[in-house]
Amino acid sequence: MERNTLEELKAHLMETNAEFRQLAAEHCGYAKQLEALEALPHLTDQEKLEEVRLKKLKLRLKDQIGSDCVPEQASASRLTSGALSP
């Protein structure tokens, strides 16, 4: 999928899909927490564990967004635009 099309799909889902919005917000929250940890000059053992935990949570959400939200919407929009032939 082209970058512009992907960005348009994300924007459409943010407007129309509550589950996508909620998952995207969680993903963004984890990303911000990771940025804060990565800005530290040195991580304690506990912070390293938290970094790994956040990365796993963020990846799980990304996978969930891709499997639960995007394929359904992408297929539906392609069907309605005539991009897929019967």
PDB file of N, CA and C in Angstrom:
ATOM      1  N   MET A   1       0.849  -1.171   0.000  1.00  0.00           N
ATOM      2  CA  MET A   1       0.000   0.000   0.000  1.00  0.00           C
ATOM      3  C   MET A   1       0.894   1.233   0.000  1.00  0.00           C
ATOM      4  N   GLU A   2       0.563   2.211  -0.825  1.00  0.00           N
ATOM      5  CA  GLU A   2       1.351   3.431  -0.885  1.00  0.00           C
ATOM      6  C   GLU A   2       1.231   4.210   0.407  1.00  0.00           C
ATOM      7  N   ARG A   3       2.244   5.014   0.683  1.00  0.00           N
ATOM      8  CA  ARG A   3       2.273   5.783   1.936  1.00  0.00           C
ATOM      9  C   ARG A   3       1.077   6.719   2.045  1.00  0.00           C
ATOM     10  N   ASN A   4       0.742   7.443   0.977  1.00  0.00           N
ATOM     11  CA  ASN A   4      -0.393   8.371   1.018  1.00  0.00           C
ATOM     12  C   ASN A   4      -1.693   7.626   1.281  1.00  0.00           C
ATOM     13  N   THR A   5      -1.857   6.491   0.647  1.00  0.00           N
ATOM     14  CA  THR A   5      -3.065   5.701   0.842  1.00  0.00           C
ATOM     15  C   THR A   5      -3.138   5.212   2.283  1.00  0.00           C
ATOM     16  N   LEU A   6      -2.013   4.794   2.830  1.00  0.00           N
ATOM     17  CA  LEU A   6      -1.980   4.323   4.213  1.00  0.00           C
ATOM     18  C   LEU A   6      -2.314   5.462   5.166  1.00  0.00           C
ATOM     19  N   GLU A   7      -1.757   6.641   4.916  1.00  0.00           N
ATOM     20  CA  GLU A   7      -2.050   7.794   5.762  1.00  0.00           C
ATOM     21  C   GLU A   7      -3.529   8.182   5.660  1.00  0.00           C
ATOM     22  N   GLU A   8      -4.086   8.111   4.460  1.00  0.00           N
ATOM     23  CA  GLU A   8      -5.506   8.412   4.279  1.00  0.00           C
ATOM     24  C   GLU A   8      -6.369   7.397   5.022  1.00  0.00           C
ATOM     25  N   LEU A   9      -5.979   6.133   4.963  1.00  0.00           N
ATOM     26  CA  LEU A   9      -6.722   5.082   5.662  1.00  0.00           C
ATOM     27  C   LEU A   9      -6.666   5.312   7.169  1.00  0.00           C
ATOM     28  N   LYS A  10      -5.482   5.648   7.685  1.00  0.00           N
ATOM     29  CA  LYS A  10      -5.352   5.925   9.116  1.00  0.00           C
ATOM     30  C   LYS A  10      -6.237   7.100   9.523  1.00  0.00           C
ATOM     31  N   ALA A  11      -6.220   8.150   8.718  1.00  0.00           N
ATOM     32  CA  ALA A  11      -7.040   9.327   9.026  1.00  0.00           C
ATOM     33  C   ALA A  11      -8.525   8.962   9.012  1.00  0.00           C
ATOM     34  N   HIS A  12      -8.927   8.162   8.033  1.00  0.00           N
ATOM     35  CA  HIS A  12     -10.327   7.725   7.939  1.00  0.00           C
ATOM     36  C   HIS A  12     -10.710   6.899   9.162  1.00  0.00           C
ATOM     37  N   LEU A  13      -9.833   5.975   9.557  1.00  0.00           N
ATOM     38  CA  LEU A  13     -10.118   5.136  10.716  1.00  0.00           C
ATOM     39  C   LEU A  13     -10.170   5.951  11.999  1.00  0.00           C
ATOM     40  N   MET A  14      -9.312   6.952  12.112  1.00  0.00           N
ATOM     41  CA  MET A  14      -9.345   7.810  13.305  1.00  0.00           C
ATOM     42  C   MET A  14     -10.682   8.528  13.410  1.00  0.00           C
ATOM     43  N   GLU A  15     -11.265   8.879  12.283  1.00  0.00           N
ATOM     44  CA  GLU A  15     -12.550   9.585  12.272  1.00  0.00           C
ATOM     45  C   GLU A  15     -13.732   8.655  12.494  1.00  0.00           C
ATOM     46  N   THR A  16     -13.635   7.427  12.005  1.00  0.00           N
ATOM     47  CA  THR A  16     -14.819   6.575  11.939  1.00  0.00           C
ATOM     48  C   THR A  16     -14.806   5.349  12.853  1.00  0.00           C
ATOM     49  N   ASN A  17     -13.654   4.968  13.382  1.00  0.00           N
ATOM     50  CA  ASN A  17     -13.558   3.712  14.110  1.00  0.00           C
ATOM     51  C   ASN A  17     -13.098   3.965  15.547  1.00  0.00           C
ATOM     52  N   ALA A  18     -14.003   3.814  16.494  1.00  0.00           N
ATOM     53  CA  ALA A  18     -13.695   4.075  17.907  1.00  0.00           C
ATOM     54  C   ALA A  18     -12.623   3.132  18.435  1.00  0.00           C
ATOM     55  N   GLU A  19     -12.662   1.872  18.027  1.00  0.00           N
ATOM     56  CA  GLU A  19     -11.660   0.907  18.491  1.00  0.00           C
ATOM     57  C   GLU A  19     -10.272   1.317  18.001  1.00  0.00           C
ATOM     58  N   PHE A  20     -10.180   1.727  16.732  1.00  0.00           N
ATOM     59  CA  PHE A  20      -8.908   2.174  16.182  1.00  0.00           C
ATOM     60  C   PHE A  20      -8.381   3.380  16.954  1.00  0.00           C
ATOM     61  N   ARG A  21      -9.255   4.345  17.235  1.00  0.00           N
ATOM     62  CA  ARG A  21      -8.846   5.542  17.987  1.00  0.00           C
ATOM     63  C   ARG A  21      -8.300   5.164  19.361  1.00  0.00           C
ATOM     64  N   GLN A  22      -8.991   4.244  20.038  1.00  0.00           N
ATOM     65  CA  GLN A  22      -8.582   3.839  21.375  1.00  0.00           C
ATOM     66  C   GLN A  22      -7.232   3.119  21.332  1.00  0.00           C
ATOM     67  N   LEU A  23      -7.059   2.205  20.377  1.00  0.00           N
ATOM     68  CA  LEU A  23      -5.796   1.479  20.252  1.00  0.00           C
ATOM     69  C   LEU A  23      -4.661   2.422  19.859  1.00  0.00           C
ATOM     70  N   ALA A  24      -4.943   3.349  18.954  1.00  0.00           N
ATOM     71  CA  ALA A  24      -3.928   4.313  18.528  1.00  0.00           C
ATOM     72  C   ALA A  24      -3.508   5.213  19.690  1.00  0.00           C
ATOM     73  N   ALA A  25      -4.449   5.601  20.525  1.00  0.00           N
ATOM     74  CA  ALA A  25      -4.132   6.439  21.684  1.00  0.00           C
ATOM     75  C   ALA A  25      -3.246   5.680  22.671  1.00  0.00           C
ATOM     76  N   GLU A  26      -3.567   4.418  22.903  1.00  0.00           N
ATOM     77  CA  GLU A  26      -2.736   3.599  23.792  1.00  0.00           C
ATOM     78  C   GLU A  26      -1.329   3.454  23.224  1.00  0.00           C
ATOM     79  N   HIS A  27      -1.248   3.186  21.914  1.00  0.00           N
ATOM     80  CA  HIS A  27       0.041   3.027  21.235  1.00  0.00           C
ATOM     81  C   HIS A  27       0.870   4.300  21.383  1.00  0.00           C
ATOM     82  N   CYS A  28       0.236   5.432  21.199  1.00  0.00           N
ATOM     83  CA  CYS A  28       0.907   6.725  21.333  1.00  0.00           C
ATOM     84  C   CYS A  28       1.396   6.937  22.772  1.00  0.00           C
ATOM     85  N   GLY A  29       0.594   6.560  23.737  1.00  0.00           N
ATOM     86  CA  GLY A  29       0.990   6.678  25.145  1.00  0.00           C
ATOM     87  C   GLY A  29       2.217   5.855  25.460  1.00  0.00           C
ATOM     88  N   TYR A  30       2.259   4.621  24.939  1.00  0.00           N
ATOM     89  CA  TYR A  30       3.430   3.772  25.149  1.00  0.00           C
ATOM     90  C   TYR A  30       4.656   4.374  24.468  1.00  0.00           C
ATOM     91  N   ALA A  31       4.469   4.933  23.278  1.00  0.00           N
ATOM     92  CA  ALA A  31       5.581   5.554  22.556  1.00  0.00           C
ATOM     93  C   ALA A  31       6.157   6.726  23.350  1.00  0.00           C
ATOM     94  N   LYS A  32       5.291   7.527  23.944  1.00  0.00           N
ATOM     95  CA  LYS A  32       5.761   8.660  24.746  1.00  0.00           C
ATOM     96  C   LYS A  32       6.524   8.195  25.981  1.00  0.00           C
ATOM     97  N   GLN A  33       6.030   7.146  26.607  1.00  0.00           N
ATOM     98  CA  GLN A  33       6.725   6.606  27.780  1.00  0.00           C
ATOM     99  C   GLN A  33       8.106   6.075  27.388  1.00  0.00           C
ATOM    100  N   LEU A  34       8.171   5.419  26.207  1.00  0.00           N
ATOM    101  CA  LEU A  34       9.454   4.909  25.726  1.00  0.00           C
ATOM    102  C   LEU A  34      10.414   6.059  25.421  1.00  0.00           C
ATOM    103  N   GLU A  35       9.906   7.108  24.812  1.00  0.00           N
ATOM    104  CA  GLU A  35      10.752   8.266  24.507  1.00  0.00           C
ATOM    105  C   GLU A  35      11.344   8.841  25.791  1.00  0.00           C
ATOM    106  N   ALA A  36      10.541   8.906  26.832  1.00  0.00           N
ATOM    107  CA  ALA A  36      11.022   9.435  28.114  1.00  0.00           C
ATOM    108  C   ALA A  36      12.137   8.559  28.677  1.00  0.00           C
ATOM    109  N   LEU A  37      11.961   7.242  28.583  1.00  0.00           N
ATOM    110  CA  LEU A  37      13.004   6.334  29.068  1.00  0.00           C
ATOM    111  C   LEU A  37      14.268   6.439  28.219  1.00  0.00           C
ATOM    112  N   GLU A  38      14.088   6.519  26.902  1.00  0.00           N
ATOM    113  CA  GLU A  38      15.237   6.568  26.000  1.00  0.00           C
ATOM    114  C   GLU A  38      16.000   7.881  26.129  1.00  0.00           C
ATOM    115  N   ALA A  39      15.376   8.906  26.670  1.00  0.00           N
ATOM    116  CA  ALA A  39      16.038  10.195  26.871  1.00  0.00           C
ATOM    117  C   ALA A  39      16.958  10.180  28.090  1.00  0.00           C
ATOM    118  N   LEU A  40      16.776   9.193  28.943  1.00  0.00           N
ATOM    119  CA  LEU A  40      17.620   9.099  30.138  1.00  0.00           C
ATOM    120  C   LEU A  40      19.030   8.659  29.744  1.00  0.00           C
ATOM    121  N   PRO A  41      20.045   9.217  30.397  1.00  0.00           N
ATOM    122  CA  PRO A  41      21.421   8.852  30.046  1.00  0.00           C
ATOM    123  C   PRO A  41      21.776   7.415  30.434  1.00  0.00           C
ATOM    124  N   HIS A  42      21.147   6.918  31.498  1.00  0.00           N
ATOM    125  CA  HIS A  42      21.425   5.557  31.956  1.00  0.00           C
ATOM    126  C   HIS A  42      20.147   4.970  32.546  1.00  0.00           C
ATOM    127  N   LEU A  43      19.864   3.729  32.169  1.00  0.00           N
ATOM    128  CA  LEU A  43      18.668   3.071  32.688  1.00  0.00           C
ATOM    129  C   LEU A  43      19.037   2.119  33.816  1.00  0.00           C
ATOM    130  N   THR A  44      18.251   2.148  34.859  1.00  0.00           N
ATOM    131  CA  THR A  44      18.404   1.166  35.931  1.00  0.00           C
ATOM    132  C   THR A  44      17.876  -0.168  35.421  1.00  0.00           C
ATOM    133  N   ASP A  45      18.098  -1.209  36.174  1.00  0.00           N
ATOM    134  CA  ASP A  45      17.582  -2.521  35.776  1.00  0.00           C
ATOM    135  C   ASP A  45      16.052  -2.474  35.667  1.00  0.00           C
ATOM    136  N   GLN A  46      15.427  -1.798  36.602  1.00  0.00           N
ATOM    137  CA  GLN A  46      13.959  -1.681  36.584  1.00  0.00           C
ATOM    138  C   GLN A  46      13.488  -0.911  35.345  1.00  0.00           C
ATOM    139  N   GLU A  47      14.201   0.135  34.996  1.00  0.00           N
ATOM    140  CA  GLU A  47      13.837   0.922  33.813  1.00  0.00           C
ATOM    141  C   GLU A  47      14.048   0.127  32.529  1.00  0.00           C
ATOM    142  N   LYS A  48      15.089  -0.709  32.508  1.00  0.00           N
ATOM    143  CA  LYS A  48      15.315  -1.575  31.346  1.00  0.00           C
ATOM    144  C   LYS A  48      14.158  -2.561  31.182  1.00  0.00           C
ATOM    145  N   LEU A  49      13.709  -3.119  32.301  1.00  0.00           N
ATOM    146  CA  LEU A  49      12.559  -4.034  32.243  1.00  0.00           C
ATOM    147  C   LEU A  49      11.311  -3.302  31.758  1.00  0.00           C
ATOM    148  N   GLU A  50      11.130  -2.088  32.241  1.00  0.00           N
ATOM    149  CA  GLU A  50       9.975  -1.285  31.815  1.00  0.00           C
ATOM    150  C   GLU A  50      10.060  -0.970  30.327  1.00  0.00           C
ATOM    151  N   GLU A  51      11.256  -0.699  29.831  1.00  0.00           N
ATOM    152  CA  GLU A  51      11.444  -0.423  28.406  1.00  0.00           C
ATOM    153  C   GLU A  51      11.030  -1.638  27.569  1.00  0.00           C
ATOM    154  N   VAL A  52      11.461  -2.812  27.980  1.00  0.00           N
ATOM    155  CA  VAL A  52      11.110  -4.047  27.262  1.00  0.00           C
ATOM    156  C   VAL A  52       9.598  -4.278  27.322  1.00  0.00           C
ATOM    157  N   ARG A  53       9.017  -4.066  28.491  1.00  0.00           N
ATOM    158  CA  ARG A  53       7.572  -4.255  28.653  1.00  0.00           C
ATOM    159  C   ARG A  53       6.793  -3.299  27.739  1.00  0.00           C
ATOM    160  N   LEU A  54       7.204  -2.049  27.708  1.00  0.00           N
ATOM    161  CA  LEU A  54       6.517  -1.060  26.871  1.00  0.00           C
ATOM    162  C   LEU A  54       6.659  -1.385  25.387  1.00  0.00           C
ATOM    163  N   LYS A  55       7.833  -1.835  24.982  1.00  0.00           N
ATOM    164  CA  LYS A  55       8.038  -2.205  23.577  1.00  0.00           C
ATOM    165  C   LYS A  55       7.124  -3.370  23.188  1.00  0.00           C
ATOM    166  N   LYS A  56       6.989  -4.333  24.073  1.00  0.00           N
ATOM    167  CA  LYS A  56       6.117  -5.477  23.796  1.00  0.00           C
ATOM    168  C   LYS A  56       4.655  -5.045  23.728  1.00  0.00           C
ATOM    169  N   LEU A  57       4.246  -4.186  24.658  1.00  0.00           N
ATOM    170  CA  LEU A  57       2.863  -3.696  24.643  1.00  0.00           C
ATOM    171  C   LEU A  57       2.582  -2.895  23.376  1.00  0.00           C
ATOM    172  N   LYS A  58       3.530  -2.060  23.008  1.00  0.00           N
ATOM    173  CA  LYS A  58       3.377  -1.230  21.809  1.00  0.00           C
ATOM    174  C   LYS A  58       3.272  -2.114  20.555  1.00  0.00           C
ATOM    175  N   LEU A  59       4.116  -3.124  20.470  1.00  0.00           N
ATOM    176  CA  LEU A  59       4.084  -4.040  19.330  1.00  0.00           C
ATOM    177  C   LEU A  59       2.777  -4.831  19.297  1.00  0.00           C
ATOM    178  N   ARG A  60       2.309  -5.269  20.462  1.00  0.00           N
ATOM    179  CA  ARG A  60       1.042  -6.000  20.523  1.00  0.00           C
ATOM    180  C   ARG A  60      -0.094  -5.131  19.999  1.00  0.00           C
ATOM    181  N   LEU A  61      -0.095  -3.874  20.396  1.00  0.00           N
ATOM    182  CA  LEU A  61      -1.134  -2.957  19.919  1.00  0.00           C
ATOM    183  C   LEU A  61      -1.032  -2.734  18.424  1.00  0.00           C
ATOM    184  N   LYS A  62       0.187  -2.588  17.920  1.00  0.00           N
ATOM    185  CA  LYS A  62       0.368  -2.397  16.482  1.00  0.00           C
ATOM    186  C   LYS A  62      -0.186  -3.600  15.721  1.00  0.00           C
ATOM    187  N   ASP A  63       0.121  -4.791  16.203  1.00  0.00           N
ATOM    188  CA  ASP A  63      -0.411  -6.006  15.574  1.00  0.00           C
ATOM    189  C   ASP A  63      -1.929  -6.050  15.657  1.00  0.00           C
ATOM    190  N   GLN A  64      -2.462  -5.670  16.803  1.00  0.00           N
ATOM    191  CA  GLN A  64      -3.910  -5.672  16.993  1.00  0.00           C
ATOM    192  C   GLN A  64      -4.583  -4.656  16.074  1.00  0.00           C
ATOM    193  N   ILE A  65      -3.981  -3.492  15.945  1.00  0.00           N
ATOM    194  CA  ILE A  65      -4.516  -2.475  15.043  1.00  0.00           C
ATOM    195  C   ILE A  65      -4.533  -3.023  13.619  1.00  0.00           C
ATOM    196  N   GLY A  66      -3.432  -3.653  13.224  1.00  0.00           N
ATOM    197  CA  GLY A  66      -3.335  -4.182  11.868  1.00  0.00           C
ATOM    198  C   GLY A  66      -4.298  -5.317  11.593  1.00  0.00           C
ATOM    199  N   SER A  67      -4.502  -6.175  12.568  1.00  0.00           N
ATOM    200  CA  SER A  67      -5.360  -7.330  12.321  1.00  0.00           C
ATOM    201  C   SER A  67      -6.837  -7.049  12.564  1.00  0.00           C
ATOM    202  N   ASP A  68      -7.140  -6.206  13.556  1.00  0.00           N
ATOM    203  CA  ASP A  68      -8.542  -5.973  13.909  1.00  0.00           C
ATOM    204  C   ASP A  68      -9.185  -4.829  13.144  1.00  0.00           C
ATOM    205  N   CYS A  69      -8.433  -3.803  12.855  1.00  0.00           N
ATOM    206  CA  CYS A  69      -9.039  -2.587  12.308  1.00  0.00           C
ATOM    207  C   CYS A  69      -8.765  -2.380  10.834  1.00  0.00           C
ATOM    208  N   VAL A  70      -7.523  -2.468  10.437  1.00  0.00           N
ATOM    209  CA  VAL A  70      -7.150  -2.058   9.088  1.00  0.00           C
ATOM    210  C   VAL A  70      -7.662  -2.996   8.002  1.00  0.00           C
ATOM    211  N   PRO A  71      -7.477  -4.318   8.091  1.00  0.00           N
ATOM    212  CA  PRO A  71      -7.920  -5.159   6.975  1.00  0.00           C
ATOM    213  C   PRO A  71      -9.407  -5.040   6.674  1.00  0.00           C
ATOM    214  N   GLU A  72     -10.248  -5.019   7.693  1.00  0.00           N
ATOM    215  CA  GLU A  72     -11.691  -4.898   7.460  1.00  0.00           C
ATOM    216  C   GLU A  72     -12.008  -3.613   6.714  1.00  0.00           C
ATOM    217  N   GLN A  73     -11.485  -2.513   7.210  1.00  0.00           N
ATOM    218  CA  GLN A  73     -11.775  -1.214   6.618  1.00  0.00           C
ATOM    219  C   GLN A  73     -11.179  -1.112   5.218  1.00  0.00           C
ATOM    220  N   ALA A  74      -9.945  -1.604   5.035  1.00  0.00           N
ATOM    221  CA  ALA A  74      -9.306  -1.526   3.726  1.00  0.00           C
ATOM    222  C   ALA A  74     -10.076  -2.356   2.708  1.00  0.00           C
ATOM    223  N   SER A  75     -10.495  -3.553   3.112  1.00  0.00           N
ATOM    224  CA  SER A  75     -11.259  -4.404   2.207  1.00  0.00           C
ATOM    225  C   SER A  75     -12.586  -3.761   1.868  1.00  0.00           C
ATOM    226  N   ALA A  76     -13.245  -3.218   2.860  1.00  0.00           N
ATOM    227  CA  ALA A  76     -14.536  -2.576   2.631  1.00  0.00           C
ATOM    228  C   ALA A  76     -14.396  -1.374   1.707  1.00  0.00           C
ATOM    229  N   SER A  77     -13.367  -0.568   1.894  1.00  0.00           N
ATOM    230  CA  SER A  77     -13.217   0.614   1.049  1.00  0.00           C
ATOM    231  C   SER A  77     -12.823   0.213  -0.366  1.00  0.00           C
ATOM    232  N   ARG A  78     -12.035  -0.837  -0.520  1.00  0.00           N
ATOM    233  CA  ARG A  78     -11.685  -1.293  -1.863  1.00  0.00           C
ATOM    234  C   ARG A  78     -12.906  -1.867  -2.578  1.00  0.00           C
ATOM    235  N   LEU A  79     -13.740  -2.566  -1.828  1.00  0.00           N
ATOM    236  CA  LEU A  79     -14.953  -3.125  -2.416  1.00  0.00           C
ATOM    237  C   LEU A  79     -15.901  -2.014  -2.871  1.00  0.00           C
ATOM    238  N   THR A  80     -16.061  -1.013  -2.039  1.00  0.00           N
ATOM    239  CA  THR A  80     -17.000   0.059  -2.398  1.00  0.00           C
ATOM    240  C   THR A  80     -16.442   0.956  -3.493  1.00  0.00           C
ATOM    241  N   SER A  81     -15.090   1.020  -3.623  1.00  0.00           N
ATOM    242  CA  SER A  81     -14.524   1.857  -4.671  1.00  0.00           C
ATOM    243  C   SER A  81     -14.357   1.070  -5.983  1.00  0.00           C
ATOM    244  N   GLY A  82     -14.633  -0.233  -5.935  1.00  0.00           N
ATOM    245  CA  GLY A  82     -14.527  -1.052  -7.141  1.00  0.00           C
ATOM    246  C   GLY A  82     -13.132  -1.538  -7.418  1.00  0.00           C
ATOM    247  N   ALA A  83     -12.231  -1.411  -6.461  1.00  0.00           N
ATOM    248  CA  ALA A  83     -10.856  -1.811  -6.655  1.00  0.00           C
ATOM    249  C   ALA A  83     -10.709  -3.329  -6.745  1.00  0.00           C
ATOM    250  N   LEU A  84     -11.608  -4.047  -6.126  1.00  0.00           N
ATOM    251  CA  LEU A  84     -11.560  -5.514  -6.195  1.00  0.00           C
ATOM    252  C   LEU A  84     -12.666  -5.987  -7.119  1.00  0.00           C
ATOM    253  N   SER A  85     -12.291  -6.913  -7.970  1.00  0.00           N
ATOM    254  CA  SER A  85     -13.318  -7.463  -8.845  1.00  0.00           C
ATOM    255  C   SER A  85     -13.935  -8.686  -8.216  1.00  0.00           C
ATOM    256  N   PRO A  86     -15.219  -8.950  -8.462  1.00  0.00           N
ATOM    257  CA  PRO A  86     -15.885 -10.111  -7.851  1.00  0.00           C
ATOM    258  C   PRO A  86     -15.350 -11.421  -8.324  1.00  0.00           C
TER     259      PRO A  86
END
